[in-house]
Amino acid sequence: MKVTILDYGAGNVPSVERALDRLGVASQRTSSPACISNAEVLLLPGVGHYAALVRALDEKQLRAPLMDTIHRGVPFLGICLGLQVLFKSSEEAAQLHGLNVLP
């Protein structure tokens, strides 16, 4: 099993990679829609502001493959903002829509 770490250009990706490595878990960092679509396990770390993450997902065209992967039942872990983006919206940036996996 390999964990795919979604790298949207911010976040604590190196820390997550080191933690997985220490646990003996193989991982790959990606910002490729194709890699996200083919993930066995998907991890979305996040640090910063909700608006920055939502905008980055949209600008890099990662929203659709991320949603498809989640809806297919691929194991998913969102860390900090990576979990927050699963909600419909956030008080941090009420005008932006999250992934709407959770109300």
PDB file of N, CA and C in Angstrom:
ATOM      1  N   MET A   1       0.843  -1.178   0.000  1.00  0.00           N
ATOM      2  CA  MET A   1       0.000   0.000   0.000  1.00  0.00           C
ATOM      3  C   MET A   1       0.890   1.244   0.000  1.00  0.00           C
ATOM      4  N   LYS A   2       0.528   2.189  -0.846  1.00  0.00           N
ATOM      5  CA  LYS A   2       1.245   3.450  -0.909  1.00  0.00           C
ATOM      6  C   LYS A   2       0.254   4.567  -0.627  1.00  0.00           C
ATOM      7  N   VAL A   3       0.642   5.481   0.248  1.00  0.00           N
ATOM      8  CA  VAL A   3      -0.188   6.637   0.578  1.00  0.00           C
ATOM      9  C   VAL A   3       0.164   7.768  -0.380  1.00  0.00           C
ATOM     10  N   THR A   4      -0.842   8.302  -1.033  1.00  0.00           N
ATOM     11  CA  THR A   4      -0.662   9.451  -1.907  1.00  0.00           C
ATOM     12  C   THR A   4      -0.949  10.705  -1.098  1.00  0.00           C
ATOM     13  N   ILE A   5       0.023  11.601  -1.054  1.00  0.00           N
ATOM     14  CA  ILE A   5      -0.115  12.858  -0.319  1.00  0.00           C
ATOM     15  C   ILE A   5      -0.390  13.956  -1.331  1.00  0.00           C
ATOM     16  N   LEU A   6      -1.556  14.570  -1.213  1.00  0.00           N
ATOM     17  CA  LEU A   6      -1.930  15.639  -2.127  1.00  0.00           C
ATOM     18  C   LEU A   6      -1.173  16.907  -1.737  1.00  0.00           C
ATOM     19  N   ASP A   7      -0.345  17.371  -2.645  1.00  0.00           N
ATOM     20  CA  ASP A   7       0.459  18.580  -2.424  1.00  0.00           C
ATOM     21  C   ASP A   7      -0.125  19.707  -3.259  1.00  0.00           C
ATOM     22  N   TYR A   8      -0.834  20.604  -2.600  1.00  0.00           N
ATOM     23  CA  TYR A   8      -1.481  21.709  -3.318  1.00  0.00           C
ATOM     24  C   TYR A   8      -0.635  22.979  -3.270  1.00  0.00           C
ATOM     25  N   GLY A   9       0.582  22.877  -2.761  1.00  0.00           N
ATOM     26  CA  GLY A   9       1.499  24.011  -2.765  1.00  0.00           C
ATOM     27  C   GLY A   9       1.708  24.647  -1.409  1.00  0.00           C
ATOM     28  N   ALA A  10       1.051  24.158  -0.401  1.00  0.00           N
ATOM     29  CA  ALA A  10       1.234  24.648   0.961  1.00  0.00           C
ATOM     30  C   ALA A  10       1.009  23.463   1.885  1.00  0.00           C
ATOM     31  N   GLY A  11       1.184  23.676   3.130  1.00  0.00           N
ATOM     32  CA  GLY A  11       0.937  22.589   4.069  1.00  0.00           C
ATOM     33  C   GLY A  11       2.215  21.999   4.596  1.00  0.00           C
ATOM     34  N   ASN A  12       2.041  20.988   5.395  1.00  0.00           N
ATOM     35  CA  ASN A  12       3.152  20.371   6.091  1.00  0.00           C
ATOM     36  C   ASN A  12       3.530  19.034   5.455  1.00  0.00           C
ATOM     37  N   VAL A  13       3.625  19.009   4.152  1.00  0.00           N
ATOM     38  CA  VAL A  13       3.892  17.785   3.407  1.00  0.00           C
ATOM     39  C   VAL A  13       5.190  17.108   3.850  1.00  0.00           C
ATOM     40  N   PRO A  14       6.317  17.809   3.979  1.00  0.00           N
ATOM     41  CA  PRO A  14       7.535  17.119   4.408  1.00  0.00           C
ATOM     42  C   PRO A  14       7.394  16.465   5.789  1.00  0.00           C
ATOM     43  N   SER A  15       6.697  17.101   6.705  1.00  0.00           N
ATOM     44  CA  SER A  15       6.490  16.506   8.028  1.00  0.00           C
ATOM     45  C   SER A  15       5.677  15.221   7.922  1.00  0.00           C
ATOM     46  N   VAL A  16       4.659  15.242   7.091  1.00  0.00           N
ATOM     47  CA  VAL A  16       3.825  14.053   6.900  1.00  0.00           C
ATOM     48  C   VAL A  16       4.643  12.944   6.243  1.00  0.00           C
ATOM     49  N   GLU A  17       5.449  13.290   5.258  1.00  0.00           N
ATOM     50  CA  GLU A  17       6.304  12.286   4.608  1.00  0.00           C
ATOM     51  C   GLU A  17       7.257  11.644   5.618  1.00  0.00           C
ATOM     52  N   ARG A  18       7.871  12.454   6.469  1.00  0.00           N
ATOM     53  CA  ARG A  18       8.781  11.916   7.480  1.00  0.00           C
ATOM     54  C   ARG A  18       8.058  11.007   8.465  1.00  0.00           C
ATOM     55  N   ALA A  19       6.863  11.382   8.863  1.00  0.00           N
ATOM     56  CA  ALA A  19       6.093  10.556   9.795  1.00  0.00           C
ATOM     57  C   ALA A  19       5.745   9.209   9.161  1.00  0.00           C
ATOM     58  N   LEU A  20       5.293   9.227   7.922  1.00  0.00           N
ATOM     59  CA  LEU A  20       4.963   7.981   7.241  1.00  0.00           C
ATOM     60  C   LEU A  20       6.205   7.116   7.060  1.00  0.00           C
ATOM     61  N   ASP A  21       7.320   7.736   6.685  1.00  0.00           N
ATOM     62  CA  ASP A  21       8.573   7.009   6.512  1.00  0.00           C
ATOM     63  C   ASP A  21       8.993   6.345   7.820  1.00  0.00           C
ATOM     64  N   ARG A  22       8.848   7.067   8.906  1.00  0.00           N
ATOM     65  CA  ARG A  22       9.214   6.534  10.222  1.00  0.00           C
ATOM     66  C   ARG A  22       8.357   5.320  10.591  1.00  0.00           C
ATOM     67  N   LEU A  23       7.121   5.316  10.103  1.00  0.00           N
ATOM     68  CA  LEU A  23       6.216   4.197  10.342  1.00  0.00           C
ATOM     69  C   LEU A  23       6.417   3.054   9.338  1.00  0.00           C
ATOM     70  N   GLY A  24       7.294   3.282   8.360  1.00  0.00           N
ATOM     71  CA  GLY A  24       7.553   2.269   7.350  1.00  0.00           C
ATOM     72  C   GLY A  24       6.502   2.221   6.256  1.00  0.00           C
ATOM     73  N   VAL A  25       5.783   3.333   6.067  1.00  0.00           N
ATOM     74  CA  VAL A  25       4.721   3.412   5.071  1.00  0.00           C
ATOM     75  C   VAL A  25       5.240   4.145   3.835  1.00  0.00           C
ATOM     76  N   ALA A  26       5.097   3.513   2.690  1.00  0.00           N
ATOM     77  CA  ALA A  26       5.515   4.141   1.433  1.00  0.00           C
ATOM     78  C   ALA A  26       4.547   5.267   1.087  1.00  0.00           C
ATOM     79  N   SER A  27       5.102   6.348   0.548  1.00  0.00           N
ATOM     80  CA  SER A  27       4.253   7.475   0.167  1.00  0.00           C
ATOM     81  C   SER A  27       4.778   8.116  -1.099  1.00  0.00           C
ATOM     82  N   GLN A  28       3.888   8.855  -1.740  1.00  0.00           N
ATOM     83  CA  GLN A  28       4.279   9.676  -2.886  1.00  0.00           C
ATOM     84  C   GLN A  28       3.558  11.004  -2.782  1.00  0.00           C
ATOM     85  N   ARG A  29       4.268  12.051  -3.092  1.00  0.00           N
ATOM     86  CA  ARG A  29       3.711  13.407  -3.093  1.00  0.00           C
ATOM     87  C   ARG A  29       3.266  13.725  -4.511  1.00  0.00           C
ATOM     88  N   THR A  30       2.071  14.325  -4.640  1.00  0.00           N
ATOM     89  CA  THR A  30       1.603  14.645  -5.987  1.00  0.00           C
ATOM     90  C   THR A  30       0.695  15.867  -6.003  1.00  0.00           C
ATOM     91  N   SER A  31       0.688  16.523  -7.138  1.00  0.00           N
ATOM     92  CA  SER A  31      -0.300  17.550  -7.438  1.00  0.00           C
ATOM     93  C   SER A  31      -0.938  17.223  -8.791  1.00  0.00           C
ATOM     94  N   SER A  32      -0.799  15.966  -9.192  1.00  0.00           N
ATOM     95  CA  SER A  32      -1.303  15.499 -10.478  1.00  0.00           C
ATOM     96  C   SER A  32      -2.714  14.926 -10.322  1.00  0.00           C
ATOM     97  N   PRO A  33      -3.671  15.441 -11.095  1.00  0.00           N
ATOM     98  CA  PRO A  33      -5.018  14.874 -11.049  1.00  0.00           C
ATOM     99  C   PRO A  33      -5.034  13.364 -11.322  1.00  0.00           C
ATOM    100  N   ALA A  34      -4.205  12.896 -12.245  1.00  0.00           N
ATOM    101  CA  ALA A  34      -4.170  11.468 -12.571  1.00  0.00           C
ATOM    102  C   ALA A  34      -3.695  10.630 -11.384  1.00  0.00           C
ATOM    103  N   CYS A  35      -2.674  11.098 -10.683  1.00  0.00           N
ATOM    104  CA  CYS A  35      -2.176  10.365  -9.510  1.00  0.00           C
ATOM    105  C   CYS A  35      -3.219  10.339  -8.401  1.00  0.00           C
ATOM    106  N   ILE A  36      -3.931  11.433  -8.233  1.00  0.00           N
ATOM    107  CA  ILE A  36      -4.984  11.481  -7.219  1.00  0.00           C
ATOM    108  C   ILE A  36      -6.070  10.473  -7.574  1.00  0.00           C
ATOM    109  N   SER A  37      -6.436  10.419  -8.826  1.00  0.00           N
ATOM    110  CA  SER A  37      -7.476   9.496  -9.283  1.00  0.00           C
ATOM    111  C   SER A  37      -7.076   8.034  -9.092  1.00  0.00           C
ATOM    112  N   ASN A  38      -5.778   7.746  -9.123  1.00  0.00           N
ATOM    113  CA  ASN A  38      -5.296   6.372  -8.998  1.00  0.00           C
ATOM    114  C   ASN A  38      -4.816   6.018  -7.596  1.00  0.00           C
ATOM    115  N   ALA A  39      -5.048   6.891  -6.634  1.00  0.00           N
ATOM    116  CA  ALA A  39      -4.553   6.668  -5.273  1.00  0.00           C
ATOM    117  C   ALA A  39      -5.207   5.458  -4.622  1.00  0.00           C
ATOM    118  N   GLU A  40      -4.402   4.718  -3.846  1.00  0.00           N
ATOM    119  CA  GLU A  40      -4.912   3.615  -3.030  1.00  0.00           C
ATOM    120  C   GLU A  40      -5.394   4.149  -1.685  1.00  0.00           C
ATOM    121  N   VAL A  41      -4.672   5.122  -1.179  1.00  0.00           N
ATOM    122  CA  VAL A  41      -4.971   5.833   0.066  1.00  0.00           C
ATOM    123  C   VAL A  41      -4.593   7.282  -0.194  1.00  0.00           C
ATOM    124  N   LEU A  42      -5.441   8.211   0.237  1.00  0.00           N
ATOM    125  CA  LEU A  42      -5.196   9.627  -0.050  1.00  0.00           C
ATOM    126  C   LEU A  42      -5.127  10.417   1.245  1.00  0.00           C
ATOM    127  N   LEU A  43      -4.122  11.252   1.347  1.00  0.00           N
ATOM    128  CA  LEU A  43      -3.921  12.078   2.527  1.00  0.00           C
ATOM    129  C   LEU A  43      -3.797  13.540   2.084  1.00  0.00           C
ATOM    130  N   LEU A  44      -4.559  14.404   2.735  1.00  0.00           N
ATOM    131  CA  LEU A  44      -4.529  15.836   2.422  1.00  0.00           C
ATOM    132  C   LEU A  44      -4.131  16.609   3.665  1.00  0.00           C
ATOM    133  N   PRO A  45      -2.849  16.977   3.772  1.00  0.00           N
ATOM    134  CA  PRO A  45      -2.437  17.817   4.895  1.00  0.00           C
ATOM    135  C   PRO A  45      -2.776  19.272   4.586  1.00  0.00           C
ATOM    136  N   GLY A  46      -2.904  20.064   5.611  1.00  0.00           N
ATOM    137  CA  GLY A  46      -3.218  21.468   5.364  1.00  0.00           C
ATOM    138  C   GLY A  46      -2.777  22.362   6.495  1.00  0.00           C
ATOM    139  N   VAL A  47      -2.261  23.490   6.126  1.00  0.00           N
ATOM    140  CA  VAL A  47      -1.847  24.519   7.075  1.00  0.00           C
ATOM    141  C   VAL A  47      -2.209  25.853   6.447  1.00  0.00           C
ATOM    142  N   GLY A  48      -2.733  26.770   7.230  1.00  0.00           N
ATOM    143  CA  GLY A  48      -3.002  28.101   6.715  1.00  0.00           C
ATOM    144  C   GLY A  48      -4.462  28.456   6.730  1.00  0.00           C
ATOM    145  N   HIS A  49      -4.895  29.110   5.682  1.00  0.00           N
ATOM    146  CA  HIS A  49      -6.246  29.652   5.601  1.00  0.00           C
ATOM    147  C   HIS A  49      -7.087  28.817   4.640  1.00  0.00           C
ATOM    148  N   TYR A  50      -8.331  28.597   5.001  1.00  0.00           N
ATOM    149  CA  TYR A  50      -9.288  27.830   4.217  1.00  0.00           C
ATOM    150  C   TYR A  50      -9.364  28.330   2.769  1.00  0.00           C
ATOM    151  N   ALA A  51      -9.424  29.640   2.586  1.00  0.00           N
ATOM    152  CA  ALA A  51      -9.535  30.209   1.237  1.00  0.00           C
ATOM    153  C   ALA A  51      -8.351  29.815   0.366  1.00  0.00           C
ATOM    154  N   ALA A  52      -7.160  29.802   0.931  1.00  0.00           N
ATOM    155  CA  ALA A  52      -5.974  29.448   0.154  1.00  0.00           C
ATOM    156  C   ALA A  52      -6.043  28.002  -0.331  1.00  0.00           C
ATOM    157  N   LEU A  53      -6.511  27.115   0.526  1.00  0.00           N
ATOM    158  CA  LEU A  53      -6.619  25.709   0.133  1.00  0.00           C
ATOM    159  C   LEU A  53      -7.692  25.522  -0.934  1.00  0.00           C
ATOM    160  N   VAL A  54      -8.870  26.091  -0.747  1.00  0.00           N
ATOM    161  CA  VAL A  54      -9.955  25.947  -1.718  1.00  0.00           C
ATOM    162  C   VAL A  54      -9.532  26.524  -3.071  1.00  0.00           C
ATOM    163  N   ARG A  55      -8.936  27.689  -3.058  1.00  0.00           N
ATOM    164  CA  ARG A  55      -8.491  28.302  -4.322  1.00  0.00           C
ATOM    165  C   ARG A  55      -7.424  27.469  -5.014  1.00  0.00           C
ATOM    166  N   ALA A  56      -6.494  26.924  -4.229  1.00  0.00           N
ATOM    167  CA  ALA A  56      -5.435  26.092  -4.813  1.00  0.00           C
ATOM    168  C   ALA A  56      -6.018  24.829  -5.446  1.00  0.00           C
ATOM    169  N   LEU A  57      -6.975  24.197  -4.782  1.00  0.00           N
ATOM    170  CA  LEU A  57      -7.607  23.003  -5.357  1.00  0.00           C
ATOM    171  C   LEU A  57      -8.267  23.335  -6.688  1.00  0.00           C
ATOM    172  N   ASP A  58      -8.945  24.477  -6.740  1.00  0.00           N
ATOM    173  CA  ASP A  58      -9.629  24.868  -7.977  1.00  0.00           C
ATOM    174  C   ASP A  58      -8.653  25.298  -9.065  1.00  0.00           C
ATOM    175  N   GLU A  59      -7.658  26.094  -8.715  1.00  0.00           N
ATOM    176  CA  GLU A  59      -6.685  26.570  -9.711  1.00  0.00           C
ATOM    177  C   GLU A  59      -5.886  25.430 -10.313  1.00  0.00           C
ATOM    178  N   LYS A  60      -5.579  24.429  -9.501  1.00  0.00           N
ATOM    179  CA  LYS A  60      -4.781  23.290  -9.970  1.00  0.00           C
ATOM    180  C   LYS A  60      -5.659  22.159 -10.504  1.00  0.00           C
ATOM    181  N   GLN A  61      -6.965  22.416 -10.576  1.00  0.00           N
ATOM    182  CA  GLN A  61      -7.944  21.450 -11.081  1.00  0.00           C
ATOM    183  C   GLN A  61      -7.866  20.117 -10.343  1.00  0.00           C
ATOM    184  N   LEU A  62      -7.786  20.218  -9.008  1.00  0.00           N
ATOM    185  CA  LEU A  62      -7.692  19.029  -8.163  1.00  0.00           C
ATOM    186  C   LEU A  62      -9.013  18.675  -7.478  1.00  0.00           C
ATOM    187  N   ARG A  63      -9.979  19.574  -7.517  1.00  0.00           N
ATOM    188  CA  ARG A  63     -11.247  19.336  -6.823  1.00  0.00           C
ATOM    189  C   ARG A  63     -11.958  18.084  -7.364  1.00  0.00           C
ATOM    190  N   ALA A  64     -12.142  17.992  -8.666  1.00  0.00           N
ATOM    191  CA  ALA A  64     -12.888  16.864  -9.251  1.00  0.00           C
ATOM    192  C   ALA A  64     -12.212  15.516  -8.981  1.00  0.00           C
ATOM    193  N   PRO A  65     -10.909  15.366  -9.239  1.00  0.00           N
ATOM    194  CA  PRO A  65     -10.303  14.064  -8.944  1.00  0.00           C
ATOM    195  C   PRO A  65     -10.316  13.735  -7.446  1.00  0.00           C
ATOM    196  N   LEU A  66     -10.177  14.749  -6.611  1.00  0.00           N
ATOM    197  CA  LEU A  66     -10.244  14.532  -5.166  1.00  0.00           C
ATOM    198  C   LEU A  66     -11.631  14.025  -4.774  1.00  0.00           C
ATOM    199  N   MET A  67     -12.670  14.680  -5.277  1.00  0.00           N
ATOM    200  CA  MET A  67     -14.043  14.268  -4.968  1.00  0.00           C
ATOM    201  C   MET A  67     -14.338  12.874  -5.511  1.00  0.00           C
ATOM    202  N   ASP A  68     -13.911  12.585  -6.727  1.00  0.00           N
ATOM    203  CA  ASP A  68     -14.131  11.256  -7.314  1.00  0.00           C
ATOM    204  C   ASP A  68     -13.469  10.177  -6.462  1.00  0.00           C
ATOM    205  N   THR A  69     -12.263  10.443  -6.021  1.00  0.00           N
ATOM    206  CA  THR A  69     -11.520   9.476  -5.215  1.00  0.00           C
ATOM    207  C   THR A  69     -12.220   9.231  -3.878  1.00  0.00           C
ATOM    208  N   ILE A  70     -12.664  10.295  -3.235  1.00  0.00           N
ATOM    209  CA  ILE A  70     -13.377  10.160  -1.965  1.00  0.00           C
ATOM    210  C   ILE A  70     -14.680   9.390  -2.172  1.00  0.00           C
ATOM    211  N   HIS A  71     -15.439   9.729  -3.198  1.00  0.00           N
ATOM    212  CA  HIS A  71     -16.725   9.074  -3.453  1.00  0.00           C
ATOM    213  C   HIS A  71     -16.575   7.610  -3.860  1.00  0.00           C
ATOM    214  N   ARG A  72     -15.430   7.238  -4.403  1.00  0.00           N
ATOM    215  CA  ARG A  72     -15.175   5.829  -4.729  1.00  0.00           C
ATOM    216  C   ARG A  72     -14.879   5.011  -3.482  1.00  0.00           C
ATOM    217  N   GLY A  73     -14.700   5.686  -2.351  1.00  0.00           N
ATOM    218  CA  GLY A  73     -14.444   4.974  -1.104  1.00  0.00           C
ATOM    219  C   GLY A  73     -12.979   4.739  -0.800  1.00  0.00           C
ATOM    220  N   VAL A  74     -12.106   5.421  -1.517  1.00  0.00           N
ATOM    221  CA  VAL A  74     -10.679   5.312  -1.229  1.00  0.00           C
ATOM    222  C   VAL A  74     -10.444   5.875   0.169  1.00  0.00           C
ATOM    223  N   PRO A  75      -9.698   5.160   1.010  1.00  0.00           N
ATOM    224  CA  PRO A  75      -9.423   5.698   2.350  1.00  0.00           C
ATOM    225  C   PRO A  75      -8.802   7.090   2.259  1.00  0.00           C
ATOM    226  N   PHE A  76      -9.331   8.008   3.048  1.00  0.00           N
ATOM    227  CA  PHE A  76      -8.925   9.415   3.006  1.00  0.00           C
ATOM    228  C   PHE A  76      -8.673   9.912   4.413  1.00  0.00           C
ATOM    229  N   LEU A  77      -7.595  10.665   4.563  1.00  0.00           N
ATOM    230  CA  LEU A  77      -7.307  11.338   5.828  1.00  0.00           C
ATOM    231  C   LEU A  77      -7.010  12.794   5.530  1.00  0.00           C
ATOM    232  N   GLY A  78      -7.784  13.674   6.134  1.00  0.00           N
ATOM    233  CA  GLY A  78      -7.526  15.105   6.043  1.00  0.00           C
ATOM    234  C   GLY A  78      -6.927  15.567   7.363  1.00  0.00           C
ATOM    235  N   ILE A  79      -5.822  16.240   7.287  1.00  0.00           N
ATOM    236  CA  ILE A  79      -5.161  16.746   8.487  1.00  0.00           C
ATOM    237  C   ILE A  79      -5.386  18.253   8.552  1.00  0.00           C
ATOM    238  N   CYS A  80      -5.916  18.722   9.663  1.00  0.00           N
ATOM    239  CA  CYS A  80      -6.165  20.142   9.916  1.00  0.00           C
ATOM    240  C   CYS A  80      -7.049  20.718   8.806  1.00  0.00           C
ATOM    241  N   LEU A  81      -6.537  21.615   8.004  1.00  0.00           N
ATOM    242  CA  LEU A  81      -7.312  22.186   6.905  1.00  0.00           C
ATOM    243  C   LEU A  81      -7.764  21.136   5.898  1.00  0.00           C
ATOM    244  N   GLY A  82      -7.004  20.064   5.782  1.00  0.00           N
ATOM    245  CA  GLY A  82      -7.376  18.973   4.896  1.00  0.00           C
ATOM    246  C   GLY A  82      -8.667  18.296   5.327  1.00  0.00           C
ATOM    247  N   LEU A  83      -8.977  18.356   6.599  1.00  0.00           N
ATOM    248  CA  LEU A  83     -10.257  17.865   7.104  1.00  0.00           C
ATOM    249  C   LEU A  83     -11.317  18.947   6.979  1.00  0.00           C
ATOM    250  N   GLN A  84     -10.960  20.168   7.300  1.00  0.00           N
ATOM    251  CA  GLN A  84     -11.906  21.285   7.265  1.00  0.00           C
ATOM    252  C   GLN A  84     -12.499  21.475   5.866  1.00  0.00           C
ATOM    253  N   VAL A  85     -11.726  21.236   4.831  1.00  0.00           N
ATOM    254  CA  VAL A  85     -12.207  21.455   3.462  1.00  0.00           C
ATOM    255  C   VAL A  85     -13.290  20.453   3.060  1.00  0.00           C
ATOM    256  N   LEU A  86     -13.451  19.385   3.832  1.00  0.00           N
ATOM    257  CA  LEU A  86     -14.518  18.423   3.550  1.00  0.00           C
ATOM    258  C   LEU A  86     -15.908  19.001   3.811  1.00  0.00           C
ATOM    259  N   PHE A  87     -15.974  20.057   4.607  1.00  0.00           N
ATOM    260  CA  PHE A  87     -17.263  20.662   4.923  1.00  0.00           C
ATOM    261  C   PHE A  87     -17.773  21.508   3.763  1.00  0.00           C
ATOM    262  N   LYS A  88     -19.060  21.816   3.824  1.00  0.00           N
ATOM    263  CA  LYS A  88     -19.704  22.628   2.791  1.00  0.00           C
ATOM    264  C   LYS A  88     -19.086  24.020   2.716  1.00  0.00           C
ATOM    265  N   SER A  89     -18.758  24.572   3.874  1.00  0.00           N
ATOM    266  CA  SER A  89     -18.169  25.914   3.919  1.00  0.00           C
ATOM    267  C   SER A  89     -17.419  26.090   5.227  1.00  0.00           C
ATOM    268  N   SER A  90     -16.834  27.257   5.373  1.00  0.00           N
ATOM    269  CA  SER A  90     -16.086  27.593   6.577  1.00  0.00           C
ATOM    270  C   SER A  90     -16.332  29.052   6.926  1.00  0.00           C
ATOM    271  N   GLU A  91     -16.337  29.361   8.202  1.00  0.00           N
ATOM    272  CA  GLU A  91     -16.476  30.754   8.621  1.00  0.00           C
ATOM    273  C   GLU A  91     -15.260  31.577   8.211  1.00  0.00           C
ATOM    274  N   GLU A  92     -14.130  30.932   7.948  1.00  0.00           N
ATOM    275  CA  GLU A  92     -12.932  31.654   7.516  1.00  0.00           C
ATOM    276  C   GLU A  92     -13.127  32.328   6.159  1.00  0.00           C
ATOM    277  N   ALA A  93     -13.908  31.683   5.309  1.00  0.00           N
ATOM    278  CA  ALA A  93     -14.145  32.222   3.960  1.00  0.00           C
ATOM    279  C   ALA A  93     -15.521  31.744   3.506  1.00  0.00           C
ATOM    280  N   ALA A  94     -16.540  32.331   4.087  1.00  0.00           N
ATOM    281  CA  ALA A  94     -17.922  31.881   3.862  1.00  0.00           C
ATOM    282  C   ALA A  94     -18.348  31.951   2.393  1.00  0.00           C
ATOM    283  N   GLN A  95     -17.708  32.801   1.604  1.00  0.00           N
ATOM    284  CA  GLN A  95     -18.077  32.946   0.196  1.00  0.00           C
ATOM    285  C   GLN A  95     -17.553  31.801  -0.673  1.00  0.00           C
ATOM    286  N   LEU A  96     -16.643  31.012  -0.160  1.00  0.00           N
ATOM    287  CA  LEU A  96     -16.071  29.896  -0.928  1.00  0.00           C
ATOM    288  C   LEU A  96     -16.688  28.571  -0.495  1.00  0.00           C
ATOM    289  N   HIS A  97     -16.898  27.702  -1.451  1.00  0.00           N
ATOM    290  CA  HIS A  97     -17.500  26.406  -1.174  1.00  0.00           C
ATOM    291  C   HIS A  97     -16.407  25.352  -1.002  1.00  0.00           C
ATOM    292  N   GLY A  98     -16.540  24.591   0.065  1.00  0.00           N
ATOM    293  CA  GLY A  98     -15.660  23.463   0.283  1.00  0.00           C
ATOM    294  C   GLY A  98     -16.096  22.286  -0.572  1.00  0.00           C
ATOM    295  N   LEU A  99     -15.684  21.098  -0.175  1.00  0.00           N
ATOM    296  CA  LEU A  99     -15.991  19.903  -0.952  1.00  0.00           C
ATOM    297  C   LEU A  99     -17.393  19.368  -0.689  1.00  0.00           C
ATOM    298  N   ASN A 100     -18.024  19.820   0.368  1.00  0.00           N
ATOM    299  CA  ASN A 100     -19.403  19.461   0.684  1.00  0.00           C
ATOM    300  C   ASN A 100     -19.592  17.967   0.886  1.00  0.00           C
ATOM    301  N   VAL A 101     -18.582  17.291   1.391  1.00  0.00           N
ATOM    302  CA  VAL A 101     -18.702  15.886   1.773  1.00  0.00           C
ATOM    303  C   VAL A 101     -19.446  15.802   3.101  1.00  0.00           C
ATOM    304  N   LEU A 102     -19.212  16.799   3.941  1.00  0.00           N
ATOM    305  CA  LEU A 102     -19.881  16.911   5.242  1.00  0.00           C
ATOM    306  C   LEU A 102     -20.655  18.227   5.281  1.00  0.00           C
ATOM    307  N   PRO A 103     -21.855  18.223   5.919  1.00  0.00           N
ATOM    308  CA  PRO A 103     -22.626  19.485   5.990  1.00  0.00           C
ATOM    309  C   PRO A 103     -21.957  20.526   6.880  1.00  0.00           C
TER     310      PRO A 103
END
